[in-house]
């Protein structure tokens, strides 16, 4: 269930965030929801670097993405 939320944020920050959301094909609501989920989740891996924690969830992969196939292809190109 979704709920409406009213926030007070600097106008320049909102403008930049809207542009970022548009350029990444997401909505501002989605960005904020993902951020709130990430900061409120129980830390599963305490050893994750702060830089990695910051970008987790920022990449959207297609539903049919085959990680093994992509890794294999990458290593074949790299080592051949």
PDB file of N, CA and C in Angstrom:
ATOM      1  N   UNK A   1       0.837  -1.179   0.000  1.00  0.00           N
ATOM      2  CA  UNK A   1       0.000   0.000   0.000  1.00  0.00           C
ATOM      3  C   UNK A   1       0.880   1.239   0.000  1.00  0.00           C
ATOM      4  N   UNK A   2       0.586   2.176  -0.862  1.00  0.00           N
ATOM      5  CA  UNK A   2       1.342   3.415  -0.900  1.00  0.00           C
ATOM      6  C   UNK A   2       0.617   4.489  -0.109  1.00  0.00           C
ATOM      7  N   UNK A   3       1.387   5.406   0.434  1.00  0.00           N
ATOM      8  CA  UNK A   3       0.856   6.509   1.221  1.00  0.00           C
ATOM      9  C   UNK A   3       1.519   7.793   0.770  1.00  0.00           C
ATOM     10  N   UNK A   4       0.764   8.851   0.712  1.00  0.00           N
ATOM     11  CA  UNK A   4       1.305  10.147   0.316  1.00  0.00           C
ATOM     12  C   UNK A   4       2.164  10.704   1.451  1.00  0.00           C
ATOM     13  N   UNK A   5       3.283  11.343   1.091  1.00  0.00           N
ATOM     14  CA  UNK A   5       4.208  11.913   2.059  1.00  0.00           C
ATOM     15  C   UNK A   5       4.559  13.323   1.612  1.00  0.00           C
ATOM     16  N   UNK A   6       4.482  14.269   2.516  1.00  0.00           N
ATOM     17  CA  UNK A   6       4.855  15.646   2.216  1.00  0.00           C
ATOM     18  C   UNK A   6       6.199  15.927   2.859  1.00  0.00           C
ATOM     19  N   UNK A   7       7.132  16.432   2.046  1.00  0.00           N
ATOM     20  CA  UNK A   7       8.476  16.739   2.536  1.00  0.00           C
ATOM     21  C   UNK A   7       8.796  18.203   2.273  1.00  0.00           C
ATOM     22  N   UNK A   8       9.659  18.769   3.094  1.00  0.00           N
ATOM     23  CA  UNK A   8      10.160  20.112   2.865  1.00  0.00           C
ATOM     24  C   UNK A   8      11.645  19.975   2.526  1.00  0.00           C
ATOM     25  N   UNK A   9      11.977  20.328   1.275  1.00  0.00           N
ATOM     26  CA  UNK A   9      13.345  20.164   0.784  1.00  0.00           C
ATOM     27  C   UNK A   9      13.709  21.415  -0.013  1.00  0.00           C
ATOM     28  N   UNK A  10      14.974  21.791   0.028  1.00  0.00           N
ATOM     29  CA  UNK A  10      15.439  22.939  -0.746  1.00  0.00           C
ATOM     30  C   UNK A  10      15.042  22.790  -2.210  1.00  0.00           C
ATOM     31  N   UNK A  11      14.580  23.868  -2.819  1.00  0.00           N
ATOM     32  CA  UNK A  11      14.113  23.840  -4.204  1.00  0.00           C
ATOM     33  C   UNK A  11      15.202  23.349  -5.156  1.00  0.00           C
ATOM     34  N   UNK A  12      16.433  23.798  -4.951  1.00  0.00           N
ATOM     35  CA  UNK A  12      17.522  23.396  -5.854  1.00  0.00           C
ATOM     36  C   UNK A  12      17.784  21.894  -5.771  1.00  0.00           C
ATOM     37  N   UNK A  13      17.620  21.330  -4.585  1.00  0.00           N
ATOM     38  CA  UNK A  13      17.816  19.889  -4.407  1.00  0.00           C
ATOM     39  C   UNK A  13      16.718  19.125  -5.138  1.00  0.00           C
ATOM     40  N   UNK A  14      15.495  19.594  -5.020  1.00  0.00           N
ATOM     41  CA  UNK A  14      14.371  18.952  -5.702  1.00  0.00           C
ATOM     42  C   UNK A  14      14.572  18.994  -7.217  1.00  0.00           C
ATOM     43  N   UNK A  15      14.991  20.138  -7.735  1.00  0.00           N
ATOM     44  CA  UNK A  15      15.205  20.270  -9.179  1.00  0.00           C
ATOM     45  C   UNK A  15      16.281  19.301  -9.667  1.00  0.00           C
ATOM     46  N   UNK A  16      17.377  19.220  -8.932  1.00  0.00           N
ATOM     47  CA  UNK A  16      18.447  18.287  -9.311  1.00  0.00           C
ATOM     48  C   UNK A  16      17.977  16.839  -9.227  1.00  0.00           C
ATOM     49  N   UNK A  17      17.220  16.531  -8.174  1.00  0.00           N
ATOM     50  CA  UNK A  17      16.724  15.163  -7.989  1.00  0.00           C
ATOM     51  C   UNK A  17      15.740  14.783  -9.096  1.00  0.00           C
ATOM     52  N   UNK A  18      14.877  15.709  -9.495  1.00  0.00           N
ATOM     53  CA  UNK A  18      13.932  15.442 -10.580  1.00  0.00           C
ATOM     54  C   UNK A  18      14.675  15.191 -11.889  1.00  0.00           C
ATOM     55  N   UNK A  19      15.701  15.973 -12.159  1.00  0.00           N
ATOM     56  CA  UNK A  19      16.495  15.788 -13.372  1.00  0.00           C
ATOM     57  C   UNK A  19      17.201  14.442 -13.345  1.00  0.00           C
ATOM     58  N   UNK A  20      17.773  14.096 -12.187  1.00  0.00           N
ATOM     59  CA  UNK A  20      18.443  12.800 -12.041  1.00  0.00           C
ATOM     60  C   UNK A  20      17.453  11.663 -12.273  1.00  0.00           C
ATOM     61  N   UNK A  21      16.286  11.766 -11.663  1.00  0.00           N
ATOM     62  CA  UNK A  21      15.260  10.728 -11.817  1.00  0.00           C
ATOM     63  C   UNK A  21      14.872  10.582 -13.287  1.00  0.00           C
ATOM     64  N   UNK A  22      14.651  11.699 -13.951  1.00  0.00           N
ATOM     65  CA  UNK A  22      14.275  11.665 -15.374  1.00  0.00           C
ATOM     66  C   UNK A  22      15.373  11.024 -16.206  1.00  0.00           C
ATOM     67  N   UNK A  23      16.616  11.397 -15.956  1.00  0.00           N
ATOM     68  CA  UNK A  23      17.751  10.869 -16.733  1.00  0.00           C
ATOM     69  C   UNK A  23      18.000   9.381 -16.485  1.00  0.00           C
ATOM     70  N   UNK A  24      17.541   8.876 -15.360  1.00  0.00           N
ATOM     71  CA  UNK A  24      17.743   7.462 -15.047  1.00  0.00           C
ATOM     72  C   UNK A  24      16.472   6.640 -15.251  1.00  0.00           C
ATOM     73  N   UNK A  25      15.427   7.275 -15.770  1.00  0.00           N
ATOM     74  CA  UNK A  25      14.194   6.559 -16.073  1.00  0.00           C
ATOM     75  C   UNK A  25      13.398   6.136 -14.854  1.00  0.00           C
ATOM     76  N   UNK A  26      13.518   6.889 -13.788  1.00  0.00           N
ATOM     77  CA  UNK A  26      12.788   6.572 -12.563  1.00  0.00           C
ATOM     78  C   UNK A  26      11.996   7.790 -12.111  1.00  0.00           C
ATOM     79  N   UNK A  27      11.127   7.580 -11.159  1.00  0.00           N
ATOM     80  CA  UNK A  27      10.370   8.693 -10.593  1.00  0.00           C
ATOM     81  C   UNK A  27      11.074   9.181  -9.329  1.00  0.00           C
ATOM     82  N   UNK A  28      10.780  10.408  -8.963  1.00  0.00           N
ATOM     83  CA  UNK A  28      11.344  10.946  -7.733  1.00  0.00           C
ATOM     84  C   UNK A  28      10.853  10.142  -6.531  1.00  0.00           C
ATOM     85  N   UNK A  29       9.597   9.720  -6.573  1.00  0.00           N
ATOM     86  CA  UNK A  29       9.050   8.891  -5.489  1.00  0.00           C
ATOM     87  C   UNK A  29       9.834   7.585  -5.355  1.00  0.00           C
ATOM     88  N   UNK A  30      10.173   6.973  -6.501  1.00  0.00           N
ATOM     89  CA  UNK A  30      10.935   5.718  -6.470  1.00  0.00           C
ATOM     90  C   UNK A  30      12.315   5.931  -5.861  1.00  0.00           C
ATOM     91  N   UNK A  31      12.972   7.021  -6.232  1.00  0.00           N
ATOM     92  CA  UNK A  31      14.295   7.312  -5.671  1.00  0.00           C
ATOM     93  C   UNK A  31      14.221   7.470  -4.155  1.00  0.00           C
ATOM     94  N   UNK A  32      13.245   8.234  -3.708  1.00  0.00           N
ATOM     95  CA  UNK A  32      13.119   8.474  -2.267  1.00  0.00           C
ATOM     96  C   UNK A  32      12.749   7.192  -1.527  1.00  0.00           C
ATOM     97  N   UNK A  33      11.833   6.409  -2.100  1.00  0.00           N
ATOM     98  CA  UNK A  33      11.450   5.149  -1.468  1.00  0.00           C
ATOM     99  C   UNK A  33      12.649   4.209  -1.360  1.00  0.00           C
ATOM    100  N   UNK A  34      13.428   4.088  -2.441  1.00  0.00           N
ATOM    101  CA  UNK A  34      14.613   3.224  -2.418  1.00  0.00           C
ATOM    102  C   UNK A  34      15.620   3.709  -1.377  1.00  0.00           C
ATOM    103  N   UNK A  35      15.798   5.022  -1.283  1.00  0.00           N
ATOM    104  CA  UNK A  35      16.728   5.563  -0.299  1.00  0.00           C
ATOM    105  C   UNK A  35      16.252   5.241   1.124  1.00  0.00           C
ATOM    106  N   UNK A  36      14.965   5.476   1.386  1.00  0.00           N
ATOM    107  CA  UNK A  36      14.444   5.208   2.723  1.00  0.00           C
ATOM    108  C   UNK A  36      14.536   3.731   3.073  1.00  0.00           C
ATOM    109  N   UNK A  37      14.286   2.869   2.104  1.00  0.00           N
ATOM    110  CA  UNK A  37      14.424   1.427   2.359  1.00  0.00           C
ATOM    111  C   UNK A  37      15.871   1.089   2.679  1.00  0.00           C
ATOM    112  N   UNK A  38      16.814   1.685   1.941  1.00  0.00           N
ATOM    113  CA  UNK A  38      18.225   1.338   2.145  1.00  0.00           C
ATOM    114  C   UNK A  38      18.742   1.801   3.506  1.00  0.00           C
ATOM    115  N   UNK A  39      18.291   2.955   3.981  1.00  0.00           N
ATOM    116  CA  UNK A  39      18.799   3.433   5.269  1.00  0.00           C
ATOM    117  C   UNK A  39      18.094   2.798   6.453  1.00  0.00           C
ATOM    118  N   UNK A  40      16.955   2.147   6.216  1.00  0.00           N
ATOM    119  CA  UNK A  40      16.238   1.529   7.326  1.00  0.00           C
ATOM    120  C   UNK A  40      16.381   0.017   7.376  1.00  0.00           C
ATOM    121  N   UNK A  41      17.041  -0.578   6.378  1.00  0.00           N
ATOM    122  CA  UNK A  41      17.248  -2.022   6.381  1.00  0.00           C
ATOM    123  C   UNK A  41      18.277  -2.414   7.428  1.00  0.00           C
ATOM    124  N   UNK A  42      18.083  -3.579   7.987  1.00  0.00           N
ATOM    125  CA  UNK A  42      19.082  -4.131   8.905  1.00  0.00           C
ATOM    126  C   UNK A  42      20.296  -4.491   8.064  1.00  0.00           C
ATOM    127  N   UNK A  43      21.453  -4.112   8.531  1.00  0.00           N
ATOM    128  CA  UNK A  43      22.685  -4.380   7.799  1.00  0.00           C
ATOM    129  C   UNK A  43      22.930  -5.871   7.699  1.00  0.00           C
ATOM    130  N   UNK A  44      22.847  -6.408   6.484  1.00  0.00           N
ATOM    131  CA  UNK A  44      23.093  -7.827   6.265  1.00  0.00           C
ATOM    132  C   UNK A  44      24.585  -8.081   6.237  1.00  0.00           C
ATOM    133  N   UNK A  45      25.310  -7.191   5.592  1.00  0.00           N
ATOM    134  CA  UNK A  45      26.751  -7.379   5.465  1.00  0.00           C
ATOM    135  C   UNK A  45      27.453  -6.146   6.020  1.00  0.00           C
ATOM    136  N   UNK A  46      27.952  -6.265   7.227  1.00  0.00           N
ATOM    137  CA  UNK A  46      28.623  -5.145   7.881  1.00  0.00           C
ATOM    138  C   UNK A  46      29.923  -4.759   7.185  1.00  0.00           C
ATOM    139  N   UNK A  47      30.467  -5.669   6.340  1.00  0.00           N
ATOM    140  CA  UNK A  47      31.743  -5.405   5.697  1.00  0.00           C
ATOM    141  C   UNK A  47      31.590  -4.658   4.375  1.00  0.00           C
ATOM    142  N   UNK A  48      30.366  -4.369   3.964  1.00  0.00           N
ATOM    143  CA  UNK A  48      30.142  -3.666   2.708  1.00  0.00           C
ATOM    144  C   UNK A  48      30.678  -2.238   2.837  1.00  0.00           C
ATOM    145  N   UNK A  49      31.423  -1.808   1.837  1.00  0.00           N
ATOM    146  CA  UNK A  49      32.018  -0.475   1.897  1.00  0.00           C
ATOM    147  C   UNK A  49      30.936   0.600   1.804  1.00  0.00           C
ATOM    148  N   UNK A  50      31.189   1.765   2.377  1.00  0.00           N
ATOM    149  CA  UNK A  50      30.212   2.855   2.305  1.00  0.00           C
ATOM    150  C   UNK A  50      29.884   3.256   0.856  1.00  0.00           C
ATOM    151  N   UNK A  51      30.882   3.200  -0.022  1.00  0.00           N
ATOM    152  CA  UNK A  51      30.637   3.553  -1.424  1.00  0.00           C
ATOM    153  C   UNK A  51      29.674   2.555  -2.067  1.00  0.00           C
ATOM    154  N   UNK A  52      29.859   1.268  -1.775  1.00  0.00           N
ATOM    155  CA  UNK A  52      28.970   0.253  -2.330  1.00  0.00           C
ATOM    156  C   UNK A  52      27.565   0.395  -1.752  1.00  0.00           C
ATOM    157  N   UNK A  53      27.475   0.643  -0.467  1.00  0.00           N
ATOM    158  CA  UNK A  53      26.168   0.834   0.160  1.00  0.00           C
ATOM    159  C   UNK A  53      25.408   1.977  -0.511  1.00  0.00           C
ATOM    160  N   UNK A  54      26.149   3.008  -0.893  1.00  0.00           N
ATOM    161  CA  UNK A  54      25.524   4.190  -1.490  1.00  0.00           C
ATOM    162  C   UNK A  54      24.887   3.880  -2.842  1.00  0.00           C
ATOM    163  N   UNK A  55      25.473   2.961  -3.610  1.00  0.00           N
ATOM    164  CA  UNK A  55      24.958   2.702  -4.955  1.00  0.00           C
ATOM    165  C   UNK A  55      24.049   1.486  -5.049  1.00  0.00           C
ATOM    166  N   UNK A  56      23.941   0.714  -3.974  1.00  0.00           N
ATOM    167  CA  UNK A  56      23.078  -0.467  -4.006  1.00  0.00           C
ATOM    168  C   UNK A  56      21.653  -0.036  -4.329  1.00  0.00           C
ATOM    169  N   UNK A  57      21.073  -0.702  -5.316  1.00  0.00           N
ATOM    170  CA  UNK A  57      19.707  -0.393  -5.714  1.00  0.00           C
ATOM    171  C   UNK A  57      19.572   0.659  -6.782  1.00  0.00           C
ATOM    172  N   UNK A  58      20.691   1.266  -7.181  1.00  0.00           N
ATOM    173  CA  UNK A  58      20.605   2.333  -8.176  1.00  0.00           C
ATOM    174  C   UNK A  58      20.591   1.822  -9.610  1.00  0.00           C
ATOM    175  N   UNK A  59      20.920   0.574  -9.816  1.00  0.00           N
ATOM    176  CA  UNK A  59      20.934   0.002 -11.158  1.00  0.00           C
ATOM    177  C   UNK A  59      19.722  -0.903 -11.334  1.00  0.00           C
ATOM    178  N   UNK A  60      18.995  -0.679 -12.411  1.00  0.00           N
ATOM    179  CA  UNK A  60      17.832  -1.515 -12.717  1.00  0.00           C
ATOM    180  C   UNK A  60      18.197  -2.426 -13.881  1.00  0.00           C
ATOM    181  N   UNK A  61      18.168  -3.725 -13.663  1.00  0.00           N
ATOM    182  CA  UNK A  61      18.476  -4.695 -14.707  1.00  0.00           C
ATOM    183  C   UNK A  61      17.180  -5.224 -15.305  1.00  0.00           C
ATOM    184  N   UNK A  62      17.219  -5.585 -16.589  1.00  0.00           N
ATOM    185  CA  UNK A  62      16.020  -6.174 -17.193  1.00  0.00           C
ATOM    186  C   UNK A  62      15.643  -7.471 -16.490  1.00  0.00           C
ATOM    187  N   UNK A  63      14.367  -7.819 -16.528  1.00  0.00           N
ATOM    188  CA  UNK A  63      13.899  -9.035 -15.863  1.00  0.00           C
ATOM    189  C   UNK A  63      14.558 -10.286 -16.432  1.00  0.00           C
ATOM    190  N   UNK A  64      14.903 -10.245 -17.720  1.00  0.00           N
ATOM    191  CA  UNK A  64      15.499 -11.419 -18.358  1.00  0.00           C
ATOM    192  C   UNK A  64      17.036 -11.380 -18.324  1.00  0.00           C
ATOM    193  N   UNK A  65      17.624 -10.554 -17.470  1.00  0.00           N
ATOM    194  CA  UNK A  65      19.076 -10.434 -17.379  1.00  0.00           C
ATOM    195  C   UNK A  65      19.678 -11.745 -16.877  1.00  0.00           C
ATOM    196  N   UNK A  66      20.655 -12.268 -17.611  1.00  0.00           N
ATOM    197  CA  UNK A  66      21.316 -13.530 -17.262  1.00  0.00           C
ATOM    198  C   UNK A  66      22.733 -13.209 -16.781  1.00  0.00           C
ATOM    199  N   UNK A  67      22.909 -13.138 -15.479  1.00  0.00           N
ATOM    200  CA  UNK A  67      24.195 -12.749 -14.899  1.00  0.00           C
ATOM    201  C   UNK A  67      25.319 -13.691 -15.307  1.00  0.00           C
ATOM    202  N   UNK A  68      25.065 -14.995 -15.258  1.00  0.00           N
ATOM    203  CA  UNK A  68      26.100 -15.966 -15.622  1.00  0.00           C
ATOM    204  C   UNK A  68      26.534 -15.784 -17.073  1.00  0.00           C
ATOM    205  N   UNK A  69      25.584 -15.599 -17.966  1.00  0.00           N
ATOM    206  CA  UNK A  69      25.888 -15.409 -19.384  1.00  0.00           C
ATOM    207  C   UNK A  69      26.728 -14.149 -19.592  1.00  0.00           C
ATOM    208  N   UNK A  70      26.350 -13.069 -18.924  1.00  0.00           N
ATOM    209  CA  UNK A  70      27.087 -11.806 -19.063  1.00  0.00           C
ATOM    210  C   UNK A  70      28.503 -11.927 -18.508  1.00  0.00           C
ATOM    211  N   UNK A  71      28.650 -12.586 -17.371  1.00  0.00           N
ATOM    212  CA  UNK A  71      29.991 -12.776 -16.797  1.00  0.00           C
ATOM    213  C   UNK A  71      30.859 -13.630 -17.717  1.00  0.00           C
ATOM    214  N   UNK A  72      30.277 -14.702 -18.230  1.00  0.00           N
ATOM    215  CA  UNK A  72      31.013 -15.576 -19.143  1.00  0.00           C
ATOM    216  C   UNK A  72      31.475 -14.782 -20.367  1.00  0.00           C
ATOM    217  N   UNK A  73      30.578 -14.004 -20.931  1.00  0.00           N
ATOM    218  CA  UNK A  73      30.899 -13.204 -22.102  1.00  0.00           C
ATOM    219  C   UNK A  73      32.007 -12.196 -21.790  1.00  0.00           C
ATOM    220  N   UNK A  74      31.916 -11.563 -20.628  1.00  0.00           N
ATOM    221  CA  UNK A  74      32.930 -10.601 -20.223  1.00  0.00           C
ATOM    222  C   UNK A  74      34.315 -11.236 -20.114  1.00  0.00           C
ATOM    223  N   UNK A  75      34.373 -12.391 -19.443  1.00  0.00           N
ATOM    224  CA  UNK A  75      35.663 -13.061 -19.258  1.00  0.00           C
ATOM    225  C   UNK A  75      36.214 -13.629 -20.563  1.00  0.00           C
ATOM    226  N   UNK A  76      35.338 -14.071 -21.431  1.00  0.00           N
ATOM    227  CA  UNK A  76      35.795 -14.561 -22.746  1.00  0.00           C
ATOM    228  C   UNK A  76      36.447 -13.427 -23.532  1.00  0.00           C
ATOM    229  N   UNK A  77      35.808 -12.284 -23.526  1.00  0.00           N
ATOM    230  CA  UNK A  77      36.377 -11.127 -24.238  1.00  0.00           C
ATOM    231  C   UNK A  77      37.673 -10.647 -23.589  1.00  0.00           C
ATOM    232  N   UNK A  78      37.700 -10.680 -22.283  1.00  0.00           N
ATOM    233  CA  UNK A  78      38.868 -10.207 -21.543  1.00  0.00           C
ATOM    234  C   UNK A  78      40.078 -11.092 -21.759  1.00  0.00           C
ATOM    235  N   UNK A  79      39.868 -12.409 -21.802  1.00  0.00           N
ATOM    236  CA  UNK A  79      40.994 -13.346 -21.838  1.00  0.00           C
ATOM    237  C   UNK A  79      41.255 -13.950 -23.213  1.00  0.00           C
ATOM    238  N   UNK A  80      40.524 -13.564 -24.222  1.00  0.00           N
ATOM    239  CA  UNK A  80      40.774 -14.087 -25.558  1.00  0.00           C
ATOM    240  C   UNK A  80      41.321 -13.034 -26.471  1.00  0.00           C
TER     241      UNK A  80
END
